[in-house]
PDB file of N, CA and C in Angstrom:
ATOM      1  N   UNK A   1     -87.821-119.727 -44.764  1.00  0.00           N
ATOM      2  CA  UNK A   1     -87.435-118.705 -45.726  1.00  0.00           C
ATOM      3  C   UNK A   1     -88.489-117.559 -45.225  1.00  0.00           C
ATOM      4  N   UNK A   2     -88.180-116.267 -45.032  1.00  0.00           N
ATOM      5  CA  UNK A   2     -89.034-115.352 -44.730  1.00  0.00           C
ATOM      6  C   UNK A   2     -88.951-114.089 -45.936  1.00  0.00           C
ATOM      7  N   UNK A   3     -90.293-113.770 -46.441  1.00  0.00           N
ATOM      8  CA  UNK A   3     -90.252-112.748 -47.259  1.00  0.00           C
ATOM      9  C   UNK A   3     -90.215-111.388 -46.752  1.00  0.00           C
ATOM     10  N   UNK A   4     -89.018-110.844 -47.596  1.00  0.00           N
ATOM     11  CA  UNK A   4     -88.852-109.317 -47.022  1.00  0.00           C
ATOM     12  C   UNK A   4     -89.592-108.427 -47.971  1.00  0.00           C
ATOM     13  N   UNK A   5     -89.443-108.671 -49.192  1.00  0.00           N
ATOM     14  CA  UNK A   5     -90.199-107.877 -50.225  1.00  0.00           C
ATOM     15  C   UNK A   5     -90.797-109.026 -51.295  1.00  0.00           C
ATOM     16  N   UNK A   6     -92.417-109.218 -51.411  1.00  0.00           N
ATOM     17  CA  UNK A   6     -92.935-110.141 -51.929  1.00  0.00           C
ATOM     18  C   UNK A   6     -92.195-110.318 -53.569  1.00  0.00           C
ATOM     19  N   UNK A   7     -91.830-111.513 -53.854  1.00  0.00           N
ATOM     20  CA  UNK A   7     -91.301-111.906 -55.195  1.00  0.00           C
ATOM     21  C   UNK A   7     -90.096-111.241 -55.550  1.00  0.00           C
ATOM     22  N   UNK A   8     -89.345-110.604 -54.398  1.00  0.00           N
ATOM     23  CA  UNK A   8     -88.143-109.872 -54.781  1.00  0.00           C
ATOM     24  C   UNK A   8     -86.955-110.076 -53.799  1.00  0.00           C
ATOM     25  N   UNK A   9     -87.343-110.372 -52.737  1.00  0.00           N
ATOM     26  CA  UNK A   9     -86.274-110.198 -51.696  1.00  0.00           C
ATOM     27  C   UNK A   9     -86.766-111.202 -50.287  1.00  0.00           C
ATOM     28  N   UNK A  10     -85.982-112.346 -50.075  1.00  0.00           N
ATOM     29  CA  UNK A  10     -86.343-113.209 -49.095  1.00  0.00           C
ATOM     30  C   UNK A  10     -84.816-113.582 -48.148  1.00  0.00           C
ATOM     31  N   UNK A  11     -85.193-113.820 -47.083  1.00  0.00           N
ATOM     32  CA  UNK A  11     -84.250-114.240 -46.188  1.00  0.00           C
ATOM     33  C   UNK A  11     -84.452-115.584 -45.866  1.00  0.00           C
ATOM     34  N   UNK A  12     -83.266-116.298 -46.206  1.00  0.00           N
ATOM     35  CA  UNK A  12     -83.314-117.849 -45.955  1.00  0.00           C
ATOM     36  C   UNK A  12     -82.291-118.316 -45.069  1.00  0.00           C
ATOM     37  N   UNK A  13     -82.460-118.991 -44.020  1.00  0.00           N
ATOM     38  CA  UNK A  13     -81.514-119.480 -43.145  1.00  0.00           C
ATOM     39  C   UNK A  13     -81.481-121.037 -42.790  1.00  0.00           C
ATOM     40  N   UNK A  14     -80.517-121.609 -42.410  1.00  0.00           N
ATOM     41  CA  UNK A  14     -80.315-123.113 -41.948  1.00  0.00           C
ATOM     42  C   UNK A  14     -80.334-123.349 -40.405  1.00  0.00           C
ATOM     43  N   UNK A  15     -81.266-124.227 -40.078  1.00  0.00           N
ATOM     44  CA  UNK A  15     -81.380-124.204 -38.526  1.00  0.00           C
ATOM     45  C   UNK A  15     -80.784-125.678 -38.255  1.00  0.00           C
ATOM     46  N   UNK A  16     -80.169-126.467 -39.344  1.00  0.00           N
ATOM     47  CA  UNK A  16     -79.739-127.729 -39.168  1.00  0.00           C
ATOM     48  C   UNK A  16     -78.421-127.928 -38.434  1.00  0.00           C
ATOM     49  N   UNK A  17     -77.577-126.544 -38.179  1.00  0.00           N
ATOM     50  CA  UNK A  17     -76.390-126.699 -37.446  1.00  0.00           C
ATOM     51  C   UNK A  17     -76.617-125.619 -36.184  1.00  0.00           C
ATOM     52  N   UNK A  18     -77.729-125.314 -35.820  1.00  0.00           N
ATOM     53  CA  UNK A  18     -77.877-124.308 -34.863  1.00  0.00           C
ATOM     54  C   UNK A  18     -77.441-124.899 -33.434  1.00  0.00           C
ATOM     55  N   UNK A  19     -77.009-123.950 -32.627  1.00  0.00           N
ATOM     56  CA  UNK A  19     -76.425-124.479 -31.274  1.00  0.00           C
ATOM     57  C   UNK A  19     -77.588-125.165 -30.475  1.00  0.00           C
ATOM     58  N   UNK A  20     -78.907-124.845 -30.775  1.00  0.00           N
ATOM     59  CA  UNK A  20     -80.106-125.145 -29.971  1.00  0.00           C
ATOM     60  C   UNK A  20     -80.591-126.438 -30.544  1.00  0.00           C
ATOM     61  N   UNK A  21     -80.037-126.905 -31.676  1.00  0.00           N
ATOM     62  CA  UNK A  21     -80.969-128.076 -32.436  1.00  0.00           C
ATOM     63  C   UNK A  21     -81.228-128.952 -31.552  1.00  0.00           C
ATOM     64  N   UNK A  22     -80.471-129.686 -30.759  1.00  0.00           N
ATOM     65  CA  UNK A  22     -80.937-130.844 -29.913  1.00  0.00           C
ATOM     66  C   UNK A  22     -81.985-130.479 -29.076  1.00  0.00           C
ATOM     67  N   UNK A  23     -82.130-129.177 -28.560  1.00  0.00           N
ATOM     68  CA  UNK A  23     -83.136-128.907 -27.512  1.00  0.00           C
ATOM     69  C   UNK A  23     -84.454-128.865 -28.308  1.00  0.00           C
ATOM     70  N   UNK A  24     -84.618-128.595 -29.525  1.00  0.00           N
ATOM     71  CA  UNK A  24     -85.794-128.644 -30.271  1.00  0.00           C
ATOM     72  C   UNK A  24     -86.227-129.653 -31.360  1.00  0.00           C
ATOM     73  N   UNK A  25     -85.249-130.832 -31.275  1.00  0.00           N
ATOM     74  CA  UNK A  25     -85.577-131.848 -32.298  1.00  0.00           C
ATOM     75  C   UNK A  25     -87.053-132.262 -32.344  1.00  0.00           C
ATOM     76  N   UNK A  26     -87.666-132.539 -31.196  1.00  0.00           N
ATOM     77  CA  UNK A  26     -88.911-133.003 -31.029  1.00  0.00           C
ATOM     78  C   UNK A  26     -90.044-131.907 -31.299  1.00  0.00           C
ATOM     79  N   UNK A  27     -89.692-130.898 -31.580  1.00  0.00           N
ATOM     80  CA  UNK A  27     -90.775-129.691 -31.723  1.00  0.00           C
ATOM     81  C   UNK A  27     -90.847-129.273 -33.317  1.00  0.00           C
ATOM     82  N   UNK A  28     -91.982-128.718 -33.506  1.00  0.00           N
ATOM     83  CA  UNK A  28     -92.474-128.076 -34.895  1.00  0.00           C
ATOM     84  C   UNK A  28     -91.936-126.755 -35.034  1.00  0.00           C
ATOM     85  N   UNK A  29     -91.551-126.200 -35.922  1.00  0.00           N
ATOM     86  CA  UNK A  29     -91.256-124.883 -36.217  1.00  0.00           C
ATOM     87  C   UNK A  29     -92.682-123.906 -36.031  1.00  0.00           C
ATOM     88  N   UNK A  30     -92.617-123.039 -35.268  1.00  0.00           N
ATOM     89  CA  UNK A  30     -93.576-122.030 -34.936  1.00  0.00           C
ATOM     90  C   UNK A  30     -93.583-120.957 -35.878  1.00  0.00           C
ATOM     91  N   UNK A  31     -93.991-119.820 -35.083  1.00  0.00           N
ATOM     92  CA  UNK A  31     -93.945-118.464 -35.731  1.00  0.00           C
ATOM     93  C   UNK A  31     -92.653-117.786 -35.869  1.00  0.00           C
ATOM     94  N   UNK A  32     -92.233-117.147 -37.012  1.00  0.00           N
ATOM     95  CA  UNK A  32     -91.022-116.684 -36.901  1.00  0.00           C
ATOM     96  C   UNK A  32     -91.298-115.167 -37.020  1.00  0.00           C
ATOM     97  N   UNK A  33     -90.623-114.465 -36.179  1.00  0.00           N
ATOM     98  CA  UNK A  33     -90.820-112.852 -35.839  1.00  0.00           C
ATOM     99  C   UNK A  33     -89.714-112.159 -36.260  1.00  0.00           C
ATOM    100  N   UNK A  34     -89.532-111.344 -37.208  1.00  0.00           N
ATOM    101  CA  UNK A  34     -88.543-110.633 -37.781  1.00  0.00           C
ATOM    102  C   UNK A  34     -88.627-109.213 -37.354  1.00  0.00           C
ATOM    103  N   UNK A  35     -87.483-108.740 -36.559  1.00  0.00           N
ATOM    104  CA  UNK A  35     -87.628-107.387 -36.077  1.00  0.00           C
ATOM    105  C   UNK A  35     -86.494-106.718 -36.708  1.00  0.00           C
ATOM    106  N   UNK A  36     -86.275-105.390 -36.472  1.00  0.00           N
ATOM    107  CA  UNK A  36     -85.357-104.604 -37.053  1.00  0.00           C
ATOM    108  C   UNK A  36     -83.957-105.063 -36.835  1.00  0.00           C
ATOM    109  N   UNK A  37     -83.693-105.733 -35.699  1.00  0.00           N
ATOM    110  CA  UNK A  37     -82.445-106.088 -35.370  1.00  0.00           C
ATOM    111  C   UNK A  37     -82.262-107.628 -34.870  1.00  0.00           C
ATOM    112  N   UNK A  38     -83.259-108.311 -34.935  1.00  0.00           N
ATOM    113  CA  UNK A  38     -83.160-109.971 -34.400  1.00  0.00           C
ATOM    114  C   UNK A  38     -84.321-110.560 -35.154  1.00  0.00           C
ATOM    115  N   UNK A  39     -84.159-111.878 -35.246  1.00  0.00           N
ATOM    116  CA  UNK A  39     -85.041-112.752 -35.681  1.00  0.00           C
ATOM    117  C   UNK A  39     -85.477-113.665 -34.460  1.00  0.00           C
ATOM    118  N   UNK A  40     -86.848-113.668 -34.081  1.00  0.00           N
ATOM    119  CA  UNK A  40     -87.229-114.652 -32.942  1.00  0.00           C
ATOM    120  C   UNK A  40     -87.872-115.718 -33.591  1.00  0.00           C
ATOM    121  N   UNK A  41     -87.428-116.977 -33.303  1.00  0.00           N
ATOM    122  CA  UNK A  41     -87.936-118.267 -33.778  1.00  0.00           C
ATOM    123  C   UNK A  41     -88.689-119.028 -32.664  1.00  0.00           C
ATOM    124  N   UNK A  42     -90.105-119.432 -33.045  1.00  0.00           N
ATOM    125  CA  UNK A  42     -90.815-119.968 -31.862  1.00  0.00           C
ATOM    126  C   UNK A  42     -90.804-121.461 -32.325  1.00  0.00           C
ATOM    127  N   UNK A  43     -91.167-122.384 -31.476  1.00  0.00           N
ATOM    128  CA  UNK A  43     -91.246-123.719 -31.546  1.00  0.00           C
ATOM    129  C   UNK A  43     -92.499-124.266 -30.873  1.00  0.00           C
ATOM    130  N   UNK A  44     -93.255-125.313 -31.224  1.00  0.00           N
ATOM    131  CA  UNK A  44     -94.361-125.919 -30.649  1.00  0.00           C
ATOM    132  C   UNK A  44     -93.945-127.457 -30.436  1.00  0.00           C
ATOM    133  N   UNK A  45     -94.409-127.764 -29.168  1.00  0.00           N
ATOM    134  CA  UNK A  45     -94.175-129.211 -28.843  1.00  0.00           C
ATOM    135  C   UNK A  45     -95.481-129.833 -28.449  1.00  0.00           C
ATOM    136  N   UNK A  46     -95.751-131.009 -29.033  1.00  0.00           N
ATOM    137  CA  UNK A  46     -96.939-131.794 -28.743  1.00  0.00           C
ATOM    138  C   UNK A  46     -96.854-132.343 -27.274  1.00  0.00           C
ATOM    139  N   UNK A  47     -97.961-132.151 -26.377  1.00  0.00           N
ATOM    140  CA  UNK A  47     -97.745-132.576 -25.052  1.00  0.00           C
ATOM    141  C   UNK A  47     -98.783-133.657 -24.996  1.00  0.00           C
ATOM    142  N   UNK A  48     -98.227-134.785 -24.496  1.00  0.00           N
ATOM    143  CA  UNK A  48     -99.151-136.064 -24.373  1.00  0.00           C
ATOM    144  C   UNK A  48     -99.628-136.522 -23.067  1.00  0.00           C
ATOM    145  N   UNK A  49    -100.215-135.460 -22.503  1.00  0.00           N
ATOM    146  CA  UNK A  49    -100.694-135.600 -21.141  1.00  0.00           C
ATOM    147  C   UNK A  49    -102.233-135.533 -20.981  1.00  0.00           C
ATOM    148  N   UNK A  50    -102.796-135.936 -19.957  1.00  0.00           N
ATOM    149  CA  UNK A  50    -104.192-135.614 -19.784  1.00  0.00           C
ATOM    150  C   UNK A  50    -104.772-134.220 -20.174  1.00  0.00           C
ATOM    151  N   UNK A  51    -105.792-134.186 -20.596  1.00  0.00           N
ATOM    152  CA  UNK A  51    -106.400-132.930 -21.178  1.00  0.00           C
ATOM    153  C   UNK A  51    -106.625-132.308 -19.792  1.00  0.00           C
ATOM    154  N   UNK A  52    -106.186-130.893 -19.501  1.00  0.00           N
ATOM    155  CA  UNK A  52    -106.415-130.291 -18.472  1.00  0.00           C
ATOM    156  C   UNK A  52    -108.000-129.569 -18.209  1.00  0.00           C
ATOM    157  N   UNK A  53    -108.466-129.445 -17.206  1.00  0.00           N
ATOM    158  CA  UNK A  53    -109.696-128.874 -16.948  1.00  0.00           C
ATOM    159  C   UNK A  53    -109.995-127.427 -17.663  1.00  0.00           C
ATOM    160  N   UNK A  54    -108.981-126.613 -17.381  1.00  0.00           N
ATOM    161  CA  UNK A  54    -108.867-125.167 -17.898  1.00  0.00           C
ATOM    162  C   UNK A  54    -107.384-124.963 -18.515  1.00  0.00           C
ATOM    163  N   UNK A  55    -107.335-124.104 -19.481  1.00  0.00           N
ATOM    164  CA  UNK A  55    -106.222-123.759 -20.104  1.00  0.00           C
ATOM    165  C   UNK A  55    -106.007-122.022 -20.159  1.00  0.00           C
ATOM    166  N   UNK A  56    -104.780-121.918 -20.160  1.00  0.00           N
ATOM    167  CA  UNK A  56    -104.312-120.348 -20.291  1.00  0.00           C
ATOM    168  C   UNK A  56    -103.151-120.391 -21.370  1.00  0.00           C
ATOM    169  N   UNK A  57    -103.301-119.236 -22.068  1.00  0.00           N
ATOM    170  CA  UNK A  57    -102.182-118.999 -23.027  1.00  0.00           C
ATOM    171  C   UNK A  57    -101.408-117.649 -22.753  1.00  0.00           C
ATOM    172  N   UNK A  58    -100.128-117.709 -22.714  1.00  0.00           N
ATOM    173  CA  UNK A  58     -99.317-116.438 -22.176  1.00  0.00           C
ATOM    174  C   UNK A  58     -98.716-115.908 -23.486  1.00  0.00           C
ATOM    175  N   UNK A  59     -98.367-114.582 -23.434  1.00  0.00           N
ATOM    176  CA  UNK A  59     -97.756-113.807 -24.289  1.00  0.00           C
ATOM    177  C   UNK A  59     -96.647-112.872 -23.435  1.00  0.00           C
ATOM    178  N   UNK A  60     -95.486-113.404 -23.756  1.00  0.00           N
ATOM    179  CA  UNK A  60     -94.494-112.431 -22.759  1.00  0.00           C
ATOM    180  C   UNK A  60     -93.911-111.036 -23.566  1.00  0.00           C
ATOM    181  N   UNK A  61     -94.052-110.064 -23.217  1.00  0.00           N
ATOM    182  CA  UNK A  61     -93.504-108.901 -23.711  1.00  0.00           C
ATOM    183  C   UNK A  61     -92.549-108.115 -22.821  1.00  0.00           C
ATOM    184  N   UNK A  62     -91.827-107.098 -23.481  1.00  0.00           N
ATOM    185  CA  UNK A  62     -91.057-106.395 -22.512  1.00  0.00           C
ATOM    186  C   UNK A  62     -91.522-105.848 -21.371  1.00  0.00           C
ATOM    187  N   UNK A  63     -92.853-105.188 -21.664  1.00  0.00           N
ATOM    188  CA  UNK A  63     -93.440-104.614 -20.294  1.00  0.00           C
ATOM    189  C   UNK A  63     -94.684-105.398 -19.765  1.00  0.00           C
ATOM    190  N   UNK A  64     -95.162-106.234 -20.316  1.00  0.00           N
ATOM    191  CA  UNK A  64     -96.307-107.141 -19.708  1.00  0.00           C
ATOM    192  C   UNK A  64     -96.321-108.489 -20.124  1.00  0.00           C
ATOM    193  N   UNK A  65     -96.936-109.285 -19.217  1.00  0.00           N
ATOM    194  CA  UNK A  65     -97.141-110.759 -19.597  1.00  0.00           C
ATOM    195  C   UNK A  65     -98.665-110.773 -19.653  1.00  0.00           C
ATOM    196  N   UNK A  66     -99.296-111.003 -20.854  1.00  0.00           N
ATOM    197  CA  UNK A  66    -100.624-111.154 -21.285  1.00  0.00           C
ATOM    198  C   UNK A  66    -101.011-112.378 -21.241  1.00  0.00           C
ATOM    199  N   UNK A  67    -102.206-112.841 -20.802  1.00  0.00           N
ATOM    200  CA  UNK A  67    -102.984-114.125 -20.648  1.00  0.00           C
ATOM    201  C   UNK A  67    -104.192-114.223 -21.065  1.00  0.00           C
ATOM    202  N   UNK A  68    -104.748-115.225 -21.651  1.00  0.00           N
ATOM    203  CA  UNK A  68    -106.003-115.486 -21.936  1.00  0.00           C
ATOM    204  C   UNK A  68    -106.612-116.620 -21.501  1.00  0.00           C
ATOM    205  N   UNK A  69    -107.719-116.934 -20.848  1.00  0.00           N
ATOM    206  CA  UNK A  69    -108.237-117.963 -20.384  1.00  0.00           C
ATOM    207  C   UNK A  69    -109.732-118.176 -20.346  1.00  0.00           C
ATOM    208  N   UNK A  70    -110.120-118.992 -19.618  1.00  0.00           N
ATOM    209  CA  UNK A  70    -111.796-119.166 -19.730  1.00  0.00           C
ATOM    210  C   UNK A  70    -112.601-117.818 -19.099  1.00  0.00           C
ATOM    211  N   UNK A  71    -111.639-117.066 -18.285  1.00  0.00           N
ATOM    212  CA  UNK A  71    -112.326-115.995 -17.443  1.00  0.00           C
ATOM    213  C   UNK A  71    -112.045-114.891 -18.447  1.00  0.00           C
ATOM    214  N   UNK A  72    -111.331-114.785 -19.304  1.00  0.00           N
ATOM    215  CA  UNK A  72    -110.982-113.583 -20.177  1.00  0.00           C
ATOM    216  C   UNK A  72    -109.554-113.366 -20.148  1.00  0.00           C
ATOM    217  N   UNK A  73    -109.078-111.900 -20.378  1.00  0.00           N
ATOM    218  CA  UNK A  73    -107.710-111.290 -20.450  1.00  0.00           C
ATOM    219  C   UNK A  73    -107.322-111.265 -19.027  1.00  0.00           C
ATOM    220  N   UNK A  74    -105.949-111.553 -18.980  1.00  0.00           N
ATOM    221  CA  UNK A  74    -105.041-111.376 -17.647  1.00  0.00           C
ATOM    222  C   UNK A  74    -103.793-110.598 -18.108  1.00  0.00           C
ATOM    223  N   UNK A  75    -103.778-109.436 -17.322  1.00  0.00           N
ATOM    224  CA  UNK A  75    -102.364-108.738 -17.880  1.00  0.00           C
ATOM    225  C   UNK A  75    -101.524-108.573 -16.642  1.00  0.00           C
ATOM    226  N   UNK A  76    -100.317-108.702 -16.623  1.00  0.00           N
ATOM    227  CA  UNK A  76     -99.317-108.686 -15.406  1.00  0.00           C
ATOM    228  C   UNK A  76     -98.269-107.541 -15.836  1.00  0.00           C
ATOM    229  N   UNK A  77     -98.472-106.259 -15.446  1.00  0.00           N
ATOM    230  CA  UNK A  77     -97.399-105.303 -15.809  1.00  0.00           C
ATOM    231  C   UNK A  77     -96.040-105.755 -15.432  1.00  0.00           C
ATOM    232  N   UNK A  78     -95.049-105.403 -15.963  1.00  0.00           N
ATOM    233  CA  UNK A  78     -93.687-105.819 -15.803  1.00  0.00           C
ATOM    234  C   UNK A  78     -92.768-104.592 -15.636  1.00  0.00           C
ATOM    235  N   UNK A  79     -93.451-103.301 -15.806  1.00  0.00           N
ATOM    236  CA  UNK A  79     -92.714-101.992 -15.824  1.00  0.00           C
ATOM    237  C   UNK A  79     -92.021-101.874 -14.372  1.00  0.00           C
ATOM    238  N   UNK A  80     -92.513-102.296 -13.277  1.00  0.00           N
ATOM    239  CA  UNK A  80     -91.892-102.097 -11.997  1.00  0.00           C
ATOM    240  C   UNK A  80     -90.657-103.066 -12.059  1.00  0.00           C
ATOM    241  N   UNK A  81     -90.662-104.165 -12.412  1.00  0.00           N
ATOM    242  CA  UNK A  81     -89.607-105.064 -12.576  1.00  0.00           C
ATOM    243  C   UNK A  81     -88.450-104.450 -13.601  1.00  0.00           C
ATOM    244  N   UNK A  82     -88.865-103.921 -14.573  1.00  0.00           N
ATOM    245  CA  UNK A  82     -88.009-103.528 -15.625  1.00  0.00           C
ATOM    246  C   UNK A  82     -87.127-102.237 -14.943  1.00  0.00           C
ATOM    247  N   UNK A  83     -87.870-101.450 -14.246  1.00  0.00           N
ATOM    248  CA  UNK A  83     -87.383-100.235 -13.642  1.00  0.00           C
ATOM    249  C   UNK A  83     -86.426-100.765 -12.450  1.00  0.00           C
ATOM    250  N   UNK A  84     -86.726-101.748 -11.715  1.00  0.00           N
ATOM    251  CA  UNK A  84     -85.859-102.105 -10.633  1.00  0.00           C
ATOM    252  C   UNK A  84     -84.490-102.710 -11.053  1.00  0.00           C
ATOM    253  N   UNK A  85     -84.503-103.544 -12.499  1.00  0.00           N
ATOM    254  CA  UNK A  85     -83.513-104.017 -12.843  1.00  0.00           C
ATOM    255  C   UNK A  85     -82.691-103.070 -13.576  1.00  0.00           C
ATOM    256  N   UNK A  86     -83.359-102.038 -14.074  1.00  0.00           N
ATOM    257  CA  UNK A  86     -82.545-100.848 -14.537  1.00  0.00           C
ATOM    258  C   UNK A  86     -81.681-100.217 -13.589  1.00  0.00           C
ATOM    259  N   UNK A  87     -82.491 -99.836 -12.449  1.00  0.00           N
ATOM    260  CA  UNK A  87     -81.826 -99.376 -11.330  1.00  0.00           C
ATOM    261  C   UNK A  87     -80.860 -99.947 -10.553  1.00  0.00           C
ATOM    262  N   UNK A  88     -80.880-101.336 -10.658  1.00  0.00           N
ATOM    263  CA  UNK A  88     -79.759-102.228  -9.895  1.00  0.00           C
ATOM    264  C   UNK A  88     -78.623-102.316 -10.674  1.00  0.00           C
ATOM    265  N   UNK A  89     -78.666-102.133 -12.031  1.00  0.00           N
ATOM    266  CA  UNK A  89     -77.589-102.170 -12.601  1.00  0.00           C
ATOM    267  C   UNK A  89     -76.829-100.866 -12.934  1.00  0.00           C
ATOM    268  N   UNK A  90     -77.447 -99.620 -12.655  1.00  0.00           N
ATOM    269  CA  UNK A  90     -76.830 -98.380 -12.570  1.00  0.00           C
ATOM    270  C   UNK A  90     -75.657 -98.214 -11.732  1.00  0.00           C
ATOM    271  N   UNK A  91     -75.758 -98.723 -10.451  1.00  0.00           N
ATOM    272  CA  UNK A  91     -74.484 -98.800  -9.639  1.00  0.00           C
ATOM    273  C   UNK A  91     -73.253 -99.435 -10.147  1.00  0.00           C
ATOM    274  N   UNK A  92     -73.442-100.486 -10.926  1.00  0.00           N
ATOM    275  CA  UNK A  92     -72.351-101.342 -11.449  1.00  0.00           C
ATOM    276  C   UNK A  92     -71.903-100.250 -12.549  1.00  0.00           C
ATOM    277  N   UNK A  93     -72.573 -99.719 -13.073  1.00  0.00           N
ATOM    278  CA  UNK A  93     -72.065 -98.831 -14.429  1.00  0.00           C
ATOM    279  C   UNK A  93     -71.293 -97.625 -13.704  1.00  0.00           C
ATOM    280  N   UNK A  94     -71.812 -97.102 -12.673  1.00  0.00           N
ATOM    281  CA  UNK A  94     -70.937 -95.930 -11.927  1.00  0.00           C
ATOM    282  C   UNK A  94     -69.751 -96.466 -11.370  1.00  0.00           C
ATOM    283  N   UNK A  95     -69.660 -97.609 -10.819  1.00  0.00           N
ATOM    284  CA  UNK A  95     -68.400 -98.259 -10.265  1.00  0.00           C
ATOM    285  C   UNK A  95     -67.325 -98.496 -11.325  1.00  0.00           C
ATOM    286  N   UNK A  96     -67.790 -98.886 -12.529  1.00  0.00           N
ATOM    287  CA  UNK A  96     -66.808 -99.034 -13.653  1.00  0.00           C
ATOM    288  C   UNK A  96     -66.284 -97.784 -14.275  1.00  0.00           C
ATOM    289  N   UNK A  97     -67.153 -96.528 -13.878  1.00  0.00           N
ATOM    290  CA  UNK A  97     -66.631 -95.543 -14.499  1.00  0.00           C
ATOM    291  C   UNK A  97     -65.706 -94.665 -13.610  1.00  0.00           C
ATOM    292  N   UNK A  98     -65.943 -95.107 -12.109  1.00  0.00           N
ATOM    293  CA  UNK A  98     -64.828 -94.640 -11.191  1.00  0.00           C
ATOM    294  C   UNK A  98     -63.399 -95.250 -11.497  1.00  0.00           C
ATOM    295  N   UNK A  99     -63.380 -96.324 -11.688  1.00  0.00           N
ATOM    296  CA  UNK A  99     -62.114 -97.230 -12.031  1.00  0.00           C
ATOM    297  C   UNK A  99     -60.980 -96.725 -13.099  1.00  0.00           C
TER     298      UNK A  99
END
């Protein structure tokens, strides 16, 4: 359940029949991120492997991949990749308009 307006409006949903249910059966429900036009559901999975010497946490956004590790913050800009993807799709759009 997600609170939209405290004590007034809630968003309730059932994941028991979700198409991805089998893929997340052994995971815990993580953060729910409600955006204007979508709901992002994150999951956590316990890993039973030897403890690594160093760790890094990543956050992937539209324009960047941001990481945090023992050395501090790492930012990988994705603007160029997004621009290339957009430009590569444009010829397809132009071809369909010609038909």
